[in-house]
Structure formats: C-alpha cells, structure tokens
C-alpha atoms as a PDB file:
ATOM      1  CA  MET A   1     -19.450   3.355 -40.131  1.00  0.00           C
ATOM      2  CA  GLY A   2     -15.956   2.627 -41.327  1.00  0.00           C
ATOM      3  CA  ARG A   3     -14.909   5.799 -39.729  1.00  0.00           C
ATOM      4  CA  ILE A   4     -16.609   4.973 -36.360  1.00  0.00           C
ATOM      5  CA  LYS A   5     -14.859   1.649 -35.529  1.00  0.00           C
ATOM      6  CA  PRO A   6     -11.371   3.532 -35.708  1.00  0.00           C
ATOM      7  CA  LEU A   7     -12.811   6.413 -33.037  1.00  0.00           C
ATOM      8  CA  ILE A   8     -14.582   4.105 -30.735  1.00  0.00           C
ATOM      9  CA  GLY A   9     -11.285   1.881 -30.456  1.00  0.00           C
ATOM     10  CA  ILE A  10      -9.085   5.019 -29.839  1.00  0.00           C
ATOM     11  CA  LEU A  11     -11.488   6.139 -27.389  1.00  0.00           C
ATOM     12  CA  VAL A  12     -11.354   2.529 -25.528  1.00  0.00           C
ATOM     13  CA  CYS A  13      -7.402   2.758 -25.868  1.00  0.00           C
ATOM     14  CA  ILE A  14      -7.659   6.699 -23.906  1.00  0.00           C
ATOM     15  CA  ALA A  15     -10.065   4.959 -21.369  1.00  0.00           C
ATOM     16  CA  VAL A  16      -7.971   1.911 -20.818  1.00  0.00           C
ATOM     17  CA  LEU A  17      -4.588   4.706 -20.410  1.00  0.00           C
ATOM     18  CA  TYR A  18      -6.734   6.786 -18.154  1.00  0.00           C
ATOM     19  CA  LEU A  19      -8.070   4.042 -15.870  1.00  0.00           C
ATOM     20  CA  GLY A  20      -4.042   2.857 -16.024  1.00  0.00           C
ATOM     21  CA  TRP A  21      -2.507   6.070 -14.600  1.00  0.00           C
ATOM     22  CA  MET A  22      -4.807   6.434 -12.251  1.00  0.00           C
ATOM     23  CA  ILE A  23      -4.954   3.101 -11.002  1.00  0.00           C
ATOM     24  CA  ILE A  24      -1.504   1.599 -11.378  1.00  0.00           C
ATOM     25  CA  PRO A  25       0.555   4.268  -9.216  1.00  0.00           C
ATOM     26  CA  VAL A  26      -2.009   3.613  -6.073  1.00  0.00           C
ATOM     27  CA  TYR A  27      -1.037  -0.674  -6.174  1.00  0.00           C
ATOM     28  CA  MET A  28       2.365  -0.133  -6.796  1.00  0.00           C
ATOM     29  CA  ALA A  29       2.712   2.228  -3.719  1.00  0.00           C
ATOM     30  CA  PHE A  30       0.936  -0.775  -2.083  1.00  0.00           C
ATOM     31  CA  TYR A  31       3.023  -3.270  -3.278  1.00  0.00           C
ATOM     32  CA  GLN A  32       6.105  -1.378  -1.769  1.00  0.00           C
ATOM     33  CA  PHE A  33       4.384  -0.565   1.079  1.00  0.00           C
ATOM     34  CA  GLN A  34       4.027  -3.999   1.957  1.00  0.00           C
ATOM     35  CA  ASP A  35       7.240  -5.399   0.635  1.00  0.00           C
ATOM     36  CA  GLY A  36       8.967  -2.216   3.650  1.00  0.00           C
ATOM     37  CA  LEU A  37       6.563  -3.907   5.884  1.00  0.00           C
ATOM     38  CA  VAL A  38       8.236  -7.207   4.947  1.00  0.00           C
ATOM     39  CA  THR A  39      11.319  -5.808   5.474  1.00  0.00           C
ATOM     40  CA  THR A  40      10.810  -4.095   8.746  1.00  0.00           C
ATOM     41  CA  ALA A  41       9.003  -7.065  10.156  1.00  0.00           C
ATOM     42  CA  LYS A  42      12.372  -9.424   9.556  1.00  0.00           C
ATOM     43  CA  TYR A  43      14.452  -6.865  10.894  1.00  0.00           C
ATOM     44  CA  ALA A  44      12.400  -6.192  14.138  1.00  0.00           C
ATOM     45  CA  ALA A  45      11.734  -9.665  14.623  1.00  0.00           C
ATOM     46  CA  THR A  46      15.771  -9.995  15.336  1.00  0.00           C
ATOM     47  CA  SER A  47      16.415  -6.991  16.739  1.00  0.00           C
ATOM     48  CA  ILE A  48      15.753  -5.210  20.246  1.00  0.00           C
ATOM     49  CA  ASN A  49      13.729  -2.322  18.920  1.00  0.00           C
ATOM     50  CA  THR A  50      10.661  -1.450  20.659  1.00  0.00           C
ATOM     51  CA  ASP A  51       7.278  -1.446  19.299  1.00  0.00           C
ATOM     52  CA  GLU A  52       7.236   2.329  19.091  1.00  0.00           C
ATOM     53  CA  GLN A  53      10.828   2.244  16.963  1.00  0.00           C
ATOM     54  CA  ILE A  54       8.777  -0.189  15.033  1.00  0.00           C
ATOM     55  CA  HIS A  55       5.610   1.859  14.514  1.00  0.00           C
ATOM     56  CA  ASP A  56       7.895   4.948  13.559  1.00  0.00           C
ATOM     57  CA  GLU A  57       9.497   2.856  10.696  1.00  0.00           C
ATOM     58  CA  VAL A  58       6.664   1.858   9.379  1.00  0.00           C
ATOM     59  CA  LEU A  59       5.210   5.890   9.169  1.00  0.00           C
ATOM     60  CA  LYS A  60       8.717   6.753   7.999  1.00  0.00           C
ATOM     61  CA  LYS A  61       8.271   3.972   5.137  1.00  0.00           C
ATOM     62  CA  ALA A  62       4.489   5.084   4.205  1.00  0.00           C
ATOM     63  CA  LYS A  63       5.558   8.782   4.165  1.00  0.00           C
ATOM     64  CA  GLU A  64       8.553   7.951   1.730  1.00  0.00           C
ATOM     65  CA  LEU A  65       5.926   6.044  -0.570  1.00  0.00           C
ATOM     66  CA  ASP A  66       2.945   8.541  -0.374  1.00  0.00           C
ATOM     67  CA  VAL A  67       0.690   6.043   1.259  1.00  0.00           C
ATOM     68  CA  PRO A  68      -1.993   7.607   3.181  1.00  0.00           C
ATOM     69  CA  VAL A  69      -1.771   5.647   6.248  1.00  0.00           C
ATOM     70  CA  ARG A  70      -2.310   7.475   9.783  1.00  0.00           C
ATOM     71  CA  SER A  71      -0.134   6.817  12.653  1.00  0.00           C
ATOM     72  CA  GLU A  72      -3.007   5.416  14.811  1.00  0.00           C
ATOM     73  CA  ASP A  73      -3.959   2.866  11.964  1.00  0.00           C
ATOM     74  CA  ILE A  74      -0.466   0.942  11.717  1.00  0.00           C
ATOM     75  CA  LYS A  75      -0.577  -2.270  14.678  1.00  0.00           C
ATOM     76  CA  VAL A  76       2.663  -3.604  16.140  1.00  0.00           C
ATOM     77  CA  HIS A  77       2.140  -6.717  17.934  1.00  0.00           C
ATOM     78  CA  ARG A  78       5.003  -8.664  19.719  1.00  0.00           C
ATOM     79  CA  GLU A  79       4.582 -12.871  20.814  1.00  0.00           C
ATOM     80  CA  GLY A  80       7.193 -14.304  21.572  1.00  0.00           C
ATOM     81  CA  ASN A  81       9.818 -13.428  19.206  1.00  0.00           C
ATOM     82  CA  ALA A  82       7.080 -13.031  16.701  1.00  0.00           C
ATOM     83  CA  VAL A  83       6.186  -9.386  15.250  1.00  0.00           C
ATOM     84  CA  ASP A  84       2.919  -8.838  13.827  1.00  0.00           C
ATOM     85  CA  ILE A  85       2.467  -5.472  11.787  1.00  0.00           C
ATOM     86  CA  THR A  86      -0.670  -4.663  10.607  1.00  0.00           C
ATOM     87  CA  ALA A  87      -1.469  -1.176   8.862  1.00  0.00           C
ATOM     88  CA  ASP A  88      -4.655  -0.427   7.016  1.00  0.00           C
ATOM     89  CA  TYR A  89      -5.793   2.440   4.491  1.00  0.00           C
ATOM     90  CA  VAL A  90      -7.903   4.301   2.210  1.00  0.00           C
ATOM     91  CA  VAL A  91      -7.271   5.778  -1.361  1.00  0.00           C
ATOM     92  CA  VAL A  92      -9.820   7.801  -2.851  1.00  0.00           C
ATOM     93  CA  LEU A  93      -9.333   8.153  -6.387  1.00  0.00           C
ATOM     94  CA  ASN A  94     -11.009  10.916  -7.941  1.00  0.00           C
ATOM     95  CA  PHE A  95     -11.760  10.741 -11.834  1.00  0.00           C
ATOM     96  CA  ILE A  96     -13.188  13.123 -14.528  1.00  0.00           C
ATOM     97  CA  GLY A  97     -16.946  13.915 -13.920  1.00  0.00           C
ATOM     98  CA  GLY A  98     -16.496  14.127 -10.205  1.00  0.00           C
ATOM     99  CA  LYS A  99     -16.865  10.576  -9.843  1.00  0.00           C
ATOM    100  CA  GLN A 100     -15.054   8.795  -6.996  1.00  0.00           C
ATOM    101  CA  LYS A 101     -13.231   5.619  -6.073  1.00  0.00           C
ATOM    102  CA  THR A 102     -12.513   4.496  -2.619  1.00  0.00           C
ATOM    103  CA  ILE A 103     -10.149   1.378  -2.359  1.00  0.00           C
ATOM    104  CA  ALA A 104      -9.566   0.037   1.095  1.00  0.00           C
ATOM    105  CA  PHE A 105      -5.913  -1.598   1.537  1.00  0.00           C
ATOM    106  CA  SER A 106      -4.732  -3.868   4.271  1.00  0.00           C
ATOM    107  CA  PRO A 107      -1.011  -4.282   4.209  1.00  0.00           C
ATOM    108  CA  SER A 108       0.257  -6.597   7.068  1.00  0.00           C
ATOM    109  CA  CYS A 109       2.925  -8.928   7.703  1.00  0.00           C
ATOM    110  CA  LYS A 110       4.187 -11.592  10.400  1.00  0.00           C
ATOM    111  CA  GLU A 111       7.616 -12.606  11.159  1.00  0.00           C
ATOM    112  CA  LYS A 112       9.311 -14.915  13.753  1.00  0.00           C
ATOM    113  CA  SER A 113      12.789 -14.738  14.399  1.00  0.00           C
ATOM    114  CA  ALA A 114      14.484 -18.228  13.845  1.00  0.00           C
ATOM    115  CA  GLN A 115      16.476 -17.152  17.397  1.00  0.00           C
ATOM    116  CA  LYS A 116      14.903 -18.579  20.546  1.00  0.00           C
END
C-alpha cells in the first residue's frame, strides 16, 4: 500500500498535465481570437471598411491563430454605426485511446462607434 499511493499520485499528475496540454492551447486560441474580433470590430465601427473586408480580416486572424473557423461561419452585420461580428466554430480533441471531445465556440462582439 505504501508504494501504490505515490504511483497513483504520479499517474494523476500525468493525467492532469496531459489534459492541460490538450485543452489549454484550444482555449488560449479562443480568447486570442475573441480579442482579435473585438479589435477588428472597434476599428470597423469607426472606418469605412466593407463587410467583406471585415470578414477577410477576421478570417486572416483565425488563420494566424490556427482557429478552425470556416469562411461561411463568419457573420458581419452592420446596423447604423454598430458592427456585430460572430464566428462559430468547433474543435475536436483526439485523446489517447481513440476518445474524442468536441468543443463548440461562439466568439462574438458588438462595437458601436462614438461618432454620429
């Protein structure tokens, strides 16, 4: 019994590290992508960029961060001086033993220009 407890502790630590290795990069990319959406929307709300240009900027940011968003899943909507951007995507994590976990992300932001 004295040897089993440390072994179980080590196995638990390895499992936690493995899960962190698999999951943390996915969430970091999500938060960085979300931040990029906010930055793009703030700039777009005060500029004369077309919806297509905004869409292309979001797609470019997704590719930089290796976010698996498809072009058709990026939505840009303008209403007056407000810009609303959404970009839904799914990440499939493949674990040891063939297990898979699907995580759906829905980053979005709405920015309004202070200009009238």
